[in-house]
Amino acid sequence: MSDSTLLYNQLVEISSDYLGPAAERFIERQVTTHLHKKPLELTVRDLAKLIDWIKLAFALLTNDSQIVDEYINRLVMLTKAPTS
């Protein structure tokens, strides 16, 4: 499995805890719309910008700032850990 595939899968897995079955579609849409990439072309360098967009979009779905912060903090951890 490539690093890009693993990174994408990790994003979807974390997002699933907050968005359920809509997570994959949500992440795919954020990547294609804001990064102009295919989801499997993601790199760790893309994460900071992607996480900013995810935070904005997710905050529109819930008023619970604690849940937003928890979700984003989990995503930020992906920028600090090796993908393999």
Protein backbone atom coordinates (compact mmCIF):
# COMPACT_ATOMS: atom_id res chain seq x y z
CA MET A 1 0.00 0.00 0.00
CA SER A 2 1.42 3.39 -0.98
CA ASP A 3 1.93 6.20 1.52
CA SER A 4 -0.79 8.21 -0.25
CA THR A 5 -3.28 5.38 0.02
CA LEU A 6 -2.43 4.86 3.67
CA LEU A 7 -2.75 8.58 4.42
CA TYR A 8 -6.11 8.78 2.67
CA ASN A 9 -7.36 5.70 4.53
CA GLN A 10 -6.23 7.19 7.85
CA LEU A 11 -8.11 10.43 7.09
CA VAL A 12 -11.26 8.48 6.24
CA GLU A 13 -10.93 6.25 9.30
CA ILE A 14 -10.64 9.19 11.70
CA SER A 15 -13.40 11.06 9.89
CA SER A 16 -15.69 8.04 10.14
CA ASP A 17 -15.77 8.48 13.91
CA TYR A 18 -17.40 11.89 13.38
CA LEU A 19 -19.23 11.54 10.08
CA GLY A 20 -20.07 7.86 9.87
CA PRO A 21 -20.56 6.47 6.36
CA ALA A 22 -20.37 9.98 4.87
CA ALA A 23 -16.69 10.28 5.82
CA GLU A 24 -15.20 8.98 2.60
CA ARG A 25 -17.32 11.24 0.44
CA PHE A 26 -16.58 14.21 2.73
CA ILE A 27 -12.81 13.70 2.55
CA GLU A 28 -12.88 13.05 -1.19
CA ARG A 29 -14.83 16.25 -1.75
CA GLN A 30 -12.47 18.32 0.43
CA VAL A 31 -9.41 16.99 -1.41
CA THR A 32 -10.75 17.41 -4.93
CA THR A 33 -12.41 20.77 -4.35
CA HIS A 34 -9.74 22.52 -2.30
CA LEU A 35 -6.50 20.80 -3.26
CA HIS A 36 -7.43 20.00 -6.87
CA LYS A 37 -6.00 16.51 -6.47
CA LYS A 38 -7.26 12.98 -6.52
CA PRO A 39 -7.56 11.63 -2.97
CA LEU A 40 -4.92 8.98 -3.57
CA GLU A 41 -2.42 11.69 -4.59
CA LEU A 42 -2.34 13.20 -1.10
CA THR A 43 0.94 13.84 0.63
CA VAL A 44 1.71 14.82 4.20
CA ARG A 45 2.61 18.28 2.85
CA ASP A 46 -1.04 18.68 1.79
CA LEU A 47 -2.41 18.03 5.26
CA ALA A 48 -2.11 21.49 6.82
CA LYS A 49 -4.15 23.13 4.07
CA LEU A 50 -6.58 20.21 3.91
CA ILE A 51 -7.13 20.24 7.68
CA ASP A 52 -7.94 23.96 7.55
CA TRP A 53 -10.65 23.26 4.97
CA ILE A 54 -11.95 20.25 6.88
CA LYS A 55 -12.22 22.34 10.03
CA LEU A 56 -14.27 25.00 8.24
CA ALA A 57 -16.58 22.48 6.62
CA PHE A 58 -17.04 20.35 9.74
CA ALA A 59 -17.76 23.40 11.89
CA LEU A 60 -20.71 24.11 9.60
CA LEU A 61 -22.11 20.67 10.46
CA THR A 62 -21.99 20.99 14.24
CA ASN A 63 -22.10 23.71 16.86
CA ASP A 64 -20.07 21.60 19.28
CA SER A 65 -16.65 23.25 19.26
CA GLN A 66 -15.26 20.54 21.54
CA ILE A 67 -16.06 17.86 18.93
CA VAL A 68 -14.58 20.02 16.16
CA ASP A 69 -11.38 20.50 18.17
CA GLU A 70 -11.13 16.79 19.00
CA TYR A 71 -11.55 15.82 15.33
CA ILE A 72 -9.04 18.38 14.10
CA ASN A 73 -6.49 17.44 16.77
CA ARG A 74 -6.68 13.83 15.65
CA LEU A 75 -6.10 14.88 12.06
CA VAL A 76 -3.16 17.08 13.05
CA MET A 77 -1.53 14.04 14.64
CA LEU A 78 -1.24 12.59 11.13
CA THR A 79 1.17 15.40 10.25
CA LYS A 80 3.46 14.34 13.09
CA ALA A 81 3.46 10.57 12.68
CA PRO A 82 4.98 8.51 9.91
CA THR A 83 2.35 7.15 7.52
CA SER A 84 3.83 3.68 7.39
